[in-house]
Amino acid sequence: MHLKKFFFVLIFLYPVVSYSDENLASSKVFVEKLGKQVVEKVSNTEITELERYNNFKKLYLSSFDNYYISRFVLGRYWKTIDKGIQKKFVDSFNNYIVATYAPKFKGWEGTFKAVESLFENNYYNVKMDILNKDGPTLKMMWKMYLNKNKEFKILDVNIDGVSMLVTQRAEFLSVIKNHPNGVNGLIDAMNKKTDGS
């Protein structure tokens, strides 16, 4: 009886385990493909800066959960502002991220190699090595999930043990705390950075 029950449970769980394994493999492919697209569409030195900006923005908005990230980096201040300011912040923050990071990839030569993917607390954590052509190897961890459309969405990027979300939130909270206009002051500062002024 116990043996039959064991096999019943095993057969019942098998599709779930198999599906999970498939997603683990897919999560690694997802980040490697994203890395390849960054090299092809953002690092390329033969494109204009506007093309670089637009290409990076498209990759960021399609691959990252930018709404979640925006709420996280604003911390406790998110609930203190109305929906109009929230939308304004999300738009400004997205443009700020693109304007900050797109230029850093210009001419970059390297390889994104996914090492391992783990499913923990309903999130996929993909360990990756960033192999720089001239420089040390960076250790990365991509935290992501599958949305209702079965698309991976990135929540955070951990580089050499440092969470980019936590770092960004600490920076923003400091700006808000010290700016007389609070969140609106932060939005103005991000817009100036994006406009290059």
Protein backbone atom coordinates (compact mmCIF):
# COMPACT_ATOMS: atom_id res chain seq x y z
CA MET A 1 0.00 0.00 0.00
CA HIS A 2 2.77 2.36 0.94
CA LEU A 3 4.66 1.44 -2.23
CA LYS A 4 1.59 2.15 -4.40
CA LYS A 5 1.12 5.49 -2.68
CA PHE A 6 4.76 6.34 -3.30
CA PHE A 7 4.47 5.65 -7.03
CA PHE A 8 1.20 7.59 -7.21
CA VAL A 9 2.87 10.64 -5.65
CA LEU A 10 5.88 10.23 -7.92
CA ILE A 11 3.71 10.11 -11.06
CA PHE A 12 1.61 13.03 -9.84
CA LEU A 13 4.63 15.24 -9.17
CA TYR A 14 6.63 14.34 -12.26
CA PRO A 15 5.02 16.85 -14.66
CA VAL A 16 5.61 19.65 -12.12
CA VAL A 17 9.25 18.71 -11.66
CA SER A 18 9.77 18.40 -15.41
CA TYR A 19 8.10 21.77 -16.03
CA SER A 20 10.24 23.38 -13.35
CA ASP A 21 13.42 21.98 -14.89
CA GLU A 22 12.35 23.34 -18.26
CA ASN A 23 11.85 26.79 -16.75
CA LEU A 24 15.24 26.65 -15.05
CA ALA A 25 16.89 25.99 -18.40
CA SER A 26 14.78 28.68 -20.07
CA SER A 27 15.76 31.26 -17.45
CA LYS A 28 19.43 30.74 -18.29
CA VAL A 29 18.73 31.06 -22.00
CA PHE A 30 16.74 34.24 -21.33
CA VAL A 31 19.58 36.12 -19.62
CA GLU A 32 22.20 34.89 -22.08
CA LYS A 33 20.02 36.06 -24.97
CA LEU A 34 19.55 39.42 -23.25
CA GLY A 35 23.31 39.74 -22.85
CA LYS A 36 23.85 38.95 -26.51
CA GLN A 37 21.30 41.60 -27.51
CA VAL A 38 23.08 44.18 -25.34
CA VAL A 39 26.35 43.44 -27.14
CA GLU A 40 24.74 43.57 -30.58
CA LYS A 41 22.39 46.52 -30.10
CA VAL A 42 23.95 48.66 -27.36
CA SER A 43 27.71 48.04 -27.34
CA ASN A 44 27.96 48.51 -31.10
CA THR A 45 30.24 51.51 -31.83
CA GLU A 46 28.79 51.98 -35.31
CA ILE A 47 25.37 53.17 -34.14
CA THR A 48 24.42 56.68 -33.04
CA GLU A 49 23.96 57.60 -29.38
CA LEU A 50 20.23 58.01 -29.98
CA GLU A 51 20.04 54.50 -31.44
CA ARG A 52 22.02 53.18 -28.47
CA TYR A 53 19.63 54.91 -26.06
CA ASN A 54 16.50 53.65 -27.83
CA ASN A 55 17.83 50.10 -28.18
CA PHE A 56 18.74 49.91 -24.50
CA LYS A 57 15.38 51.37 -23.47
CA LYS A 58 13.52 48.78 -25.52
CA LEU A 59 15.52 45.95 -23.93
CA TYR A 60 15.04 47.36 -20.42
CA LEU A 61 11.29 47.88 -20.70
CA SER A 62 10.69 44.45 -22.25
CA SER A 63 12.93 42.47 -19.88
CA PHE A 64 12.60 44.19 -16.50
CA ASP A 65 9.57 44.67 -14.26
CA ASN A 66 10.12 48.43 -14.29
CA TYR A 67 6.96 49.17 -12.29
CA TYR A 68 8.03 46.92 -9.41
CA ILE A 69 11.56 48.33 -9.54
CA SER A 70 10.25 51.90 -9.47
CA ARG A 71 8.12 51.19 -6.39
CA PHE A 72 11.00 49.43 -4.63
CA VAL A 73 13.59 52.15 -5.13
CA LEU A 74 11.15 54.80 -3.90
CA GLY A 75 10.58 52.82 -0.70
CA ARG A 76 8.13 54.19 1.83
CA TYR A 77 7.64 57.38 -0.19
CA TRP A 78 5.69 55.48 -2.89
CA LYS A 79 2.52 55.47 -0.79
CA THR A 80 2.85 59.16 0.07
CA ILE A 81 2.37 60.40 -3.51
CA ASP A 82 -0.74 60.30 -5.71
CA LYS A 83 -1.08 58.16 -8.85
CA GLY A 84 -0.19 61.06 -11.14
CA ILE A 85 3.15 61.60 -9.41
CA GLN A 86 3.71 57.83 -9.29
CA LYS A 87 3.36 57.60 -13.07
CA LYS A 88 5.61 60.62 -13.52
CA PHE A 89 8.21 58.99 -11.28
CA VAL A 90 8.09 55.67 -13.16
CA ASP A 91 8.56 57.40 -16.53
CA SER A 92 11.40 59.59 -15.24
CA PHE A 93 13.10 56.68 -13.50
CA ASN A 94 12.99 54.50 -16.63
CA ASN A 95 14.56 57.28 -18.70
CA TYR A 96 17.14 57.89 -15.96
CA ILE A 97 18.19 54.22 -15.90
CA VAL A 98 18.56 54.13 -19.68
CA ALA A 99 20.48 57.43 -19.83
CA THR A 100 22.79 56.25 -17.04
CA TYR A 101 23.64 52.77 -18.26
CA ALA A 102 23.35 52.82 -22.06
CA PRO A 103 26.55 54.89 -22.58
CA LYS A 104 28.52 52.57 -20.26
CA PHE A 105 28.14 49.69 -22.71
CA LYS A 106 29.54 51.56 -25.72
CA GLY A 107 32.37 49.52 -27.16
CA TRP A 108 32.15 46.89 -24.43
CA GLU A 109 33.42 43.48 -25.45
CA GLY A 110 32.65 40.45 -23.39
CA THR A 111 30.50 37.39 -22.89
CA PHE A 112 27.49 36.67 -20.68
CA LYS A 113 27.63 33.05 -19.50
CA ALA A 114 24.81 31.66 -17.33
CA VAL A 115 26.27 29.19 -14.84
CA GLU A 116 23.33 27.98 -12.79
CA SER A 117 19.64 28.66 -12.21
CA LEU A 118 17.87 28.07 -8.90
CA PHE A 119 14.17 28.32 -8.08
CA GLU A 120 13.79 29.82 -4.60
CA ASN A 121 10.77 31.47 -2.94
CA ASN A 122 8.88 31.61 -6.26
CA TYR A 123 11.74 33.40 -8.00
CA TYR A 124 14.36 32.25 -10.49
CA ASN A 125 17.89 33.19 -9.49
CA VAL A 126 20.30 32.85 -12.37
CA LYS A 127 24.01 32.93 -11.58
CA MET A 128 26.08 34.38 -14.38
CA ASP A 129 29.70 35.15 -15.17
CA ILE A 130 30.43 38.32 -17.12
CA LEU A 131 33.64 37.59 -18.99
CA ASN A 132 35.30 40.88 -19.86
CA LYS A 133 37.76 40.90 -22.74
CA ASP A 134 40.14 43.13 -20.77
CA GLY A 135 39.40 42.89 -17.09
CA PRO A 136 38.22 40.66 -14.25
CA THR A 137 35.23 38.34 -14.43
CA LEU A 138 32.13 39.72 -12.72
CA LYS A 139 29.78 37.48 -10.75
CA MET A 140 26.12 38.31 -11.31
CA MET A 141 22.79 37.05 -10.05
CA TRP A 142 19.58 37.81 -11.92
CA LYS A 143 16.37 37.63 -9.87
CA MET A 144 13.29 37.09 -12.01
CA TYR A 145 9.85 35.52 -12.25
CA LEU A 146 7.44 34.21 -14.87
CA ASN A 147 4.45 36.48 -15.42
CA LYS A 148 0.95 35.37 -16.43
CA ASN A 149 2.02 35.41 -20.09
CA LYS A 150 4.87 33.01 -19.28
CA GLU A 151 7.44 35.75 -19.90
CA PHE A 152 10.46 36.23 -17.65
CA LYS A 153 10.64 39.60 -15.92
CA ILE A 154 13.77 40.72 -14.07
CA LEU A 155 13.36 42.21 -10.59
CA ASP A 156 16.95 42.77 -9.51
CA VAL A 157 20.55 42.39 -10.63
CA ASN A 158 23.17 41.50 -8.04
CA ILE A 159 26.76 42.27 -9.06
CA ASP A 160 29.57 40.81 -6.98
CA GLY A 161 27.24 40.56 -3.99
CA VAL A 162 25.74 44.03 -4.33
CA SER A 163 22.03 44.48 -5.14
CA MET A 164 21.48 47.22 -7.69
CA LEU A 165 17.96 47.83 -6.32
CA VAL A 166 19.10 48.26 -2.74
CA THR A 167 21.94 50.54 -3.84
CA GLN A 168 19.62 52.67 -5.97
CA ARG A 169 17.03 52.94 -3.22
CA ALA A 170 19.63 54.11 -0.68
CA GLU A 171 20.78 56.79 -3.12
CA PHE A 172 17.25 57.98 -3.90
CA LEU A 173 16.08 58.05 -0.27
CA SER A 174 19.09 60.22 0.56
CA VAL A 175 18.20 62.65 -2.24
CA ILE A 176 14.55 62.83 -1.15
CA LYS A 177 15.49 63.35 2.49
CA ASN A 178 17.82 66.23 1.67
CA HIS A 179 15.80 67.90 -1.09
CA PRO A 180 13.22 70.56 -0.10
CA ASN A 181 10.81 69.28 -2.78
CA GLY A 182 11.09 65.63 -1.75
CA VAL A 183 10.00 63.17 -4.45
CA ASN A 184 9.33 65.97 -6.94
CA GLY A 185 12.87 67.19 -6.36
CA LEU A 186 14.18 63.69 -7.14
CA ILE A 187 12.12 63.60 -10.34
CA ASP A 188 13.57 66.96 -11.40
CA ALA A 189 17.09 65.72 -10.67
CA MET A 190 16.52 62.57 -12.77
CA ASN A 191 15.11 64.61 -15.64
CA LYS A 192 18.17 66.89 -15.61
CA LYS A 193 20.42 63.84 -15.73
CA THR A 194 18.42 62.39 -18.63
CA ASP A 195 18.46 65.68 -20.54
CA GLY A 196 22.18 66.01 -19.95
CA SER A 197 21.82 69.40 -18.31
